[in-house]
């Protein structure tokens, strides 16, 4: 719920752009899913945890 009737120039532009291009948000979501919601191979994650070497507490030793 908006408390005021004021709509900034940018918000007017964005609302108009979304109205003229209704598929923009879906394209953004699809792009986001490509980079952030990828499937993990749980066996590879377990192997990586087992193969990792713990770091030294003091970096220069």
PDB file of N, CA and C in Angstrom:
ATOM      1  N   UNK A   1       0.840  -1.177   0.000  1.00  0.00           N
ATOM      2  CA  UNK A   1       0.000   0.000   0.000  1.00  0.00           C
ATOM      3  C   UNK A   1       0.880   1.233   0.000  1.00  0.00           C
ATOM      4  N   UNK A   2       0.679   2.089  -0.966  1.00  0.00           N
ATOM      5  CA  UNK A   2       1.425   3.339  -1.024  1.00  0.00           C
ATOM      6  C   UNK A   2       0.748   4.370  -0.132  1.00  0.00           C
ATOM      7  N   UNK A   3       1.557   5.117   0.585  1.00  0.00           N
ATOM      8  CA  UNK A   3       1.007   6.140   1.459  1.00  0.00           C
ATOM      9  C   UNK A   3       0.758   7.442   0.719  1.00  0.00           C
ATOM     10  N   UNK A   4       1.476   7.677  -0.371  1.00  0.00           N
ATOM     11  CA  UNK A   4       1.298   8.911  -1.134  1.00  0.00           C
ATOM     12  C   UNK A   4       0.976   8.571  -2.578  1.00  0.00           C
ATOM     13  N   UNK A   5       0.488   9.554  -3.284  1.00  0.00           N
ATOM     14  CA  UNK A   5       0.165   9.383  -4.695  1.00  0.00           C
ATOM     15  C   UNK A   5       1.350   9.736  -5.578  1.00  0.00           C
ATOM     16  N   UNK A   6       2.460  10.188  -4.978  1.00  0.00           N
ATOM     17  CA  UNK A   6       3.626  10.618  -5.751  1.00  0.00           C
ATOM     18  C   UNK A   6       4.276   9.420  -6.439  1.00  0.00           C
ATOM     19  N   UNK A   7       4.569   9.570  -7.715  1.00  0.00           N
ATOM     20  CA  UNK A   7       5.287   8.559  -8.482  1.00  0.00           C
ATOM     21  C   UNK A   7       6.438   9.272  -9.168  1.00  0.00           C
ATOM     22  N   UNK A   8       7.654   8.847  -8.868  1.00  0.00           N
ATOM     23  CA  UNK A   8       8.828   9.516  -9.423  1.00  0.00           C
ATOM     24  C   UNK A   8       8.909   9.312 -10.930  1.00  0.00           C
ATOM     25  N   UNK A   9       9.731  10.134 -11.561  1.00  0.00           N
ATOM     26  CA  UNK A   9       9.899  10.041 -13.011  1.00  0.00           C
ATOM     27  C   UNK A   9      10.472   8.683 -13.404  1.00  0.00           C
ATOM     28  N   UNK A  10      11.420   8.199 -12.607  1.00  0.00           N
ATOM     29  CA  UNK A  10      12.011   6.893 -12.896  1.00  0.00           C
ATOM     30  C   UNK A  10      10.973   5.779 -12.755  1.00  0.00           C
ATOM     31  N   UNK A  11      10.163   5.856 -11.700  1.00  0.00           N
ATOM     32  CA  UNK A  11       9.140   4.832 -11.492  1.00  0.00           C
ATOM     33  C   UNK A  11       8.108   4.855 -12.624  1.00  0.00           C
ATOM     34  N   UNK A  12       7.774   6.041 -13.116  1.00  0.00           N
ATOM     35  CA  UNK A  12       6.867   6.143 -14.261  1.00  0.00           C
ATOM     36  C   UNK A  12       7.491   5.483 -15.488  1.00  0.00           C
ATOM     37  N   UNK A  13       8.776   5.765 -15.719  1.00  0.00           N
ATOM     38  CA  UNK A  13       9.471   5.156 -16.854  1.00  0.00           C
ATOM     39  C   UNK A  13       9.490   3.639 -16.727  1.00  0.00           C
ATOM     40  N   UNK A  14       9.841   3.150 -15.532  1.00  0.00           N
ATOM     41  CA  UNK A  14       9.939   1.706 -15.324  1.00  0.00           C
ATOM     42  C   UNK A  14       8.585   1.022 -15.491  1.00  0.00           C
ATOM     43  N   UNK A  15       7.545   1.623 -14.944  1.00  0.00           N
ATOM     44  CA  UNK A  15       6.202   1.045 -15.104  1.00  0.00           C
ATOM     45  C   UNK A  15       5.780   1.031 -16.569  1.00  0.00           C
ATOM     46  N   UNK A  16       6.089   2.095 -17.294  1.00  0.00           N
ATOM     47  CA  UNK A  16       5.769   2.140 -18.717  1.00  0.00           C
ATOM     48  C   UNK A  16       6.553   1.110 -19.507  1.00  0.00           C
ATOM     49  N   UNK A  17       7.833   0.954 -19.163  1.00  0.00           N
ATOM     50  CA  UNK A  17       8.670  -0.029 -19.854  1.00  0.00           C
ATOM     51  C   UNK A  17       8.153  -1.444 -19.612  1.00  0.00           C
ATOM     52  N   UNK A  18       7.799  -1.742 -18.360  1.00  0.00           N
ATOM     53  CA  UNK A  18       7.266  -3.072 -18.048  1.00  0.00           C
ATOM     54  C   UNK A  18       5.928  -3.307 -18.740  1.00  0.00           C
ATOM     55  N   UNK A  19       5.141  -2.243 -18.878  1.00  0.00           N
ATOM     56  CA  UNK A  19       3.856  -2.380 -19.570  1.00  0.00           C
ATOM     57  C   UNK A  19       4.079  -2.651 -21.062  1.00  0.00           C
ATOM     58  N   UNK A  20       5.067  -1.979 -21.659  1.00  0.00           N
ATOM     59  CA  UNK A  20       5.350  -2.157 -23.086  1.00  0.00           C
ATOM     60  C   UNK A  20       6.099  -3.451 -23.385  1.00  0.00           C
ATOM     61  N   UNK A  21       6.865  -3.945 -22.417  1.00  0.00           N
ATOM     62  CA  UNK A  21       7.666  -5.166 -22.592  1.00  0.00           C
ATOM     63  C   UNK A  21       7.337  -6.136 -21.454  1.00  0.00           C
ATOM     64  N   UNK A  22       6.237  -6.863 -21.543  1.00  0.00           N
ATOM     65  CA  UNK A  22       5.810  -7.712 -20.419  1.00  0.00           C
ATOM     66  C   UNK A  22       6.724  -8.907 -20.147  1.00  0.00           C
ATOM     67  N   UNK A  23       7.582  -9.283 -21.084  1.00  0.00           N
ATOM     68  CA  UNK A  23       8.429 -10.467 -20.875  1.00  0.00           C
ATOM     69  C   UNK A  23       9.766 -10.133 -20.228  1.00  0.00           C
ATOM     70  N   UNK A  24      10.008  -8.881 -19.884  1.00  0.00           N
ATOM     71  CA  UNK A  24      11.302  -8.482 -19.325  1.00  0.00           C
ATOM     72  C   UNK A  24      11.567  -9.171 -17.991  1.00  0.00           C
ATOM     73  N   UNK A  25      10.582  -9.201 -17.120  1.00  0.00           N
ATOM     74  CA  UNK A  25      10.800  -9.794 -15.796  1.00  0.00           C
ATOM     75  C   UNK A  25      11.071 -11.294 -15.895  1.00  0.00           C
ATOM     76  N   UNK A  26      10.382 -11.983 -16.783  1.00  0.00           N
ATOM     77  CA  UNK A  26      10.633 -13.420 -16.949  1.00  0.00           C
ATOM     78  C   UNK A  26      12.031 -13.664 -17.503  1.00  0.00           C
ATOM     79  N   UNK A  27      12.479 -12.819 -18.421  1.00  0.00           N
ATOM     80  CA  UNK A  27      13.844 -12.947 -18.944  1.00  0.00           C
ATOM     81  C   UNK A  27      14.866 -12.736 -17.836  1.00  0.00           C
ATOM     82  N   UNK A  28      14.610 -11.770 -16.960  1.00  0.00           N
ATOM     83  CA  UNK A  28      15.520 -11.529 -15.839  1.00  0.00           C
ATOM     84  C   UNK A  28      15.549 -12.732 -14.904  1.00  0.00           C
ATOM     85  N   UNK A  29      14.383 -13.287 -14.615  1.00  0.00           N
ATOM     86  CA  UNK A  29      14.332 -14.457 -13.725  1.00  0.00           C
ATOM     87  C   UNK A  29      15.052 -15.654 -14.342  1.00  0.00           C
ATOM     88  N   UNK A  30      14.871 -15.838 -15.658  1.00  0.00           N
ATOM     89  CA  UNK A  30      15.541 -16.956 -16.333  1.00  0.00           C
ATOM     90  C   UNK A  30      17.056 -16.779 -16.265  1.00  0.00           C
ATOM     91  N   UNK A  31      17.539 -15.563 -16.500  1.00  0.00           N
ATOM     92  CA  UNK A  31      18.969 -15.298 -16.401  1.00  0.00           C
ATOM     93  C   UNK A  31      19.487 -15.498 -14.994  1.00  0.00           C
ATOM     94  N   UNK A  32      18.698 -15.102 -14.017  1.00  0.00           N
ATOM     95  CA  UNK A  32      19.106 -15.276 -12.622  1.00  0.00           C
ATOM     96  C   UNK A  32      19.222 -16.761 -12.290  1.00  0.00           C
ATOM     97  N   UNK A  33      18.254 -17.555 -12.766  1.00  0.00           N
ATOM     98  CA  UNK A  33      18.281 -18.995 -12.496  1.00  0.00           C
ATOM     99  C   UNK A  33      19.490 -19.666 -13.127  1.00  0.00           C
ATOM    100  N   UNK A  34      19.921 -19.202 -14.294  1.00  0.00           N
ATOM    101  CA  UNK A  34      21.081 -19.806 -14.953  1.00  0.00           C
ATOM    102  C   UNK A  34      22.307 -19.696 -14.060  1.00  0.00           C
ATOM    103  N   UNK A  35      22.503 -18.527 -13.445  1.00  0.00           N
ATOM    104  CA  UNK A  35      23.728 -18.296 -12.681  1.00  0.00           C
ATOM    105  C   UNK A  35      23.636 -18.723 -11.230  1.00  0.00           C
ATOM    106  N   UNK A  36      22.450 -18.655 -10.614  1.00  0.00           N
ATOM    107  CA  UNK A  36      22.370 -18.860  -9.175  1.00  0.00           C
ATOM    108  C   UNK A  36      21.641 -20.121  -8.758  1.00  0.00           C
ATOM    109  N   UNK A  37      20.746 -20.644  -9.547  1.00  0.00           N
ATOM    110  CA  UNK A  37      19.966 -21.814  -9.150  1.00  0.00           C
ATOM    111  C   UNK A  37      20.391 -23.066  -9.902  1.00  0.00           C
ATOM    112  N   UNK A  38      21.695 -23.235 -10.093  1.00  0.00           N
ATOM    113  CA  UNK A  38      22.143 -24.417 -10.823  1.00  0.00           C
ATOM    114  C   UNK A  38      22.122 -25.642  -9.903  1.00  0.00           C
ATOM    115  N   UNK A  39      21.980 -26.784 -10.522  1.00  0.00           N
ATOM    116  CA  UNK A  39      21.921 -28.033  -9.753  1.00  0.00           C
ATOM    117  C   UNK A  39      23.325 -28.418  -9.287  1.00  0.00           C
ATOM    118  N   UNK A  40      23.394 -28.957  -8.077  1.00  0.00           N
ATOM    119  CA  UNK A  40      24.668 -29.382  -7.518  1.00  0.00           C
ATOM    120  C   UNK A  40      24.782 -30.895  -7.594  1.00  0.00           C
ATOM    121  N   UNK A  41      25.969 -31.352  -7.942  1.00  0.00           N
ATOM    122  CA  UNK A  41      26.270 -32.775  -7.891  1.00  0.00           C
ATOM    123  C   UNK A  41      26.749 -33.061  -6.471  1.00  0.00           C
ATOM    124  N   UNK A  42      25.921 -33.704  -5.668  1.00  0.00           N
ATOM    125  CA  UNK A  42      26.235 -33.894  -4.251  1.00  0.00           C
ATOM    126  C   UNK A  42      27.470 -34.756  -4.046  1.00  0.00           C
ATOM    127  N   UNK A  43      27.716 -35.714  -4.935  1.00  0.00           N
ATOM    128  CA  UNK A  43      28.931 -36.524  -4.825  1.00  0.00           C
ATOM    129  C   UNK A  43      30.169 -35.664  -5.042  1.00  0.00           C
ATOM    130  N   UNK A  44      30.114 -34.749  -6.000  1.00  0.00           N
ATOM    131  CA  UNK A  44      31.252 -33.864  -6.253  1.00  0.00           C
ATOM    132  C   UNK A  44      31.481 -32.931  -5.071  1.00  0.00           C
ATOM    133  N   UNK A  45      30.413 -32.472  -4.442  1.00  0.00           N
ATOM    134  CA  UNK A  45      30.549 -31.599  -3.272  1.00  0.00           C
ATOM    135  C   UNK A  45      31.206 -32.362  -2.129  1.00  0.00           C
ATOM    136  N   UNK A  46      30.797 -33.607  -1.908  1.00  0.00           N
ATOM    137  CA  UNK A  46      31.406 -34.424  -0.850  1.00  0.00           C
ATOM    138  C   UNK A  46      32.880 -34.689  -1.137  1.00  0.00           C
ATOM    139  N   UNK A  47      33.221 -35.000  -2.402  1.00  0.00           N
ATOM    140  CA  UNK A  47      34.629 -35.224  -2.759  1.00  0.00           C
ATOM    141  C   UNK A  47      35.450 -33.961  -2.535  1.00  0.00           C
ATOM    142  N   UNK A  48      34.888 -32.824  -2.857  1.00  0.00           N
ATOM    143  CA  UNK A  48      35.613 -31.571  -2.679  1.00  0.00           C
ATOM    144  C   UNK A  48      35.867 -31.302  -1.195  1.00  0.00           C
ATOM    145  N   UNK A  49      34.891 -31.597  -0.346  1.00  0.00           N
ATOM    146  CA  UNK A  49      35.077 -31.403   1.094  1.00  0.00           C
ATOM    147  C   UNK A  49      36.156 -32.338   1.630  1.00  0.00           C
ATOM    148  N   UNK A  50      36.181 -33.575   1.146  1.00  0.00           N
ATOM    149  CA  UNK A  50      37.168 -34.543   1.617  1.00  0.00           C
ATOM    150  C   UNK A  50      38.565 -34.224   1.103  1.00  0.00           C
ATOM    151  N   UNK A  51      38.662 -33.669  -0.095  1.00  0.00           N
ATOM    152  CA  UNK A  51      39.961 -33.392  -0.702  1.00  0.00           C
ATOM    153  C   UNK A  51      40.566 -32.067  -0.268  1.00  0.00           C
ATOM    154  N   UNK A  52      39.802 -31.226   0.395  1.00  0.00           N
ATOM    155  CA  UNK A  52      40.322 -29.902   0.746  1.00  0.00           C
ATOM    156  C   UNK A  52      41.340 -30.013   1.879  1.00  0.00           C
ATOM    157  N   UNK A  53      42.313 -29.131   1.839  1.00  0.00           N
ATOM    158  CA  UNK A  53      43.368 -29.084   2.848  1.00  0.00           C
ATOM    159  C   UNK A  53      43.055 -27.931   3.785  1.00  0.00           C
ATOM    160  N   UNK A  54      43.055 -28.172   5.096  1.00  0.00           N
ATOM    161  CA  UNK A  54      42.748 -27.067   6.008  1.00  0.00           C
ATOM    162  C   UNK A  54      43.844 -26.000   5.948  1.00  0.00           C
ATOM    163  N   UNK A  55      43.480 -24.731   5.994  1.00  0.00           N
ATOM    164  CA  UNK A  55      44.478 -23.659   5.932  1.00  0.00           C
ATOM    165  C   UNK A  55      45.255 -23.546   7.235  1.00  0.00           C
ATOM    166  N   UNK A  56      46.483 -23.026   7.124  1.00  0.00           N
ATOM    167  CA  UNK A  56      47.279 -22.768   8.320  1.00  0.00           C
ATOM    168  C   UNK A  56      46.664 -21.602   9.088  1.00  0.00           C
ATOM    169  N   UNK A  57      46.748 -21.630  10.430  1.00  0.00           N
ATOM    170  CA  UNK A  57      46.192 -20.508  11.188  1.00  0.00           C
ATOM    171  C   UNK A  57      46.963 -19.206  10.928  1.00  0.00           C
ATOM    172  N   UNK A  58      48.249 -19.326  10.626  1.00  0.00           N
ATOM    173  CA  UNK A  58      49.041 -18.145  10.295  1.00  0.00           C
ATOM    174  C   UNK A  58      49.471 -18.287   8.850  1.00  0.00           C
ATOM    175  N   UNK A  59      49.092 -17.349   8.017  1.00  0.00           N
ATOM    176  CA  UNK A  59      49.250 -17.471   6.572  1.00  0.00           C
ATOM    177  C   UNK A  59      50.707 -17.587   6.143  1.00  0.00           C
ATOM    178  N   UNK A  60      51.632 -16.882   6.790  1.00  0.00           N
ATOM    179  CA  UNK A  60      53.023 -16.808   6.337  1.00  0.00           C
ATOM    180  C   UNK A  60      53.919 -17.876   6.952  1.00  0.00           C
ATOM    181  N   UNK A  61      53.363 -18.886   7.581  1.00  0.00           N
ATOM    182  CA  UNK A  61      54.228 -19.911   8.183  1.00  0.00           C
ATOM    183  C   UNK A  61      54.450 -21.073   7.253  1.00  0.00           C
TER     184      UNK A  61
END
